């Protein structure tokens, strides 16, 4: 009788362990799939990110951006002349002077993480793509840019 009870207990224990193993095996692939899907969403190449920024960007309007509460994060592009260039640390800083639609000039502080590796210097006419990012210490609109195209 003791052998039957012991054998039954052993079989129940073995059955419980084997069903947990199967459940664990089923859960792991589900987690991997959802993790892979999430990684694929966030795995855009820099080229794809640049193309997306170019599609979504609108022409900058100095009057709209040069306010107390600028539209931070707004994707824009600006055509203008590079001046006061400071290179270093992977991020270049320069002033960009643009001619606005109303024949006036807009002056922006640009912080460029140059993902296109475009070569440029002071006096060059360029187009930058980036996002509005508040104002600098002097009150000039600050733009965080990742794309620069020489005109």
Foldseek 3Di string as FASTA:
>chain_A
DVVVVVVVVVVVVVVVVVVVVVVVVVVVVVVVVVVVVVCVVVVDDPVRVVVVLVVQADADDQVQQLDQDHPWFHKYKAKFFWDPWDDDDQWIWTWGWGQHPVRDIAIAIEIENAPPPDDDDGGFIKMWIFTWDGADPVSHTYTYTHYIGTD
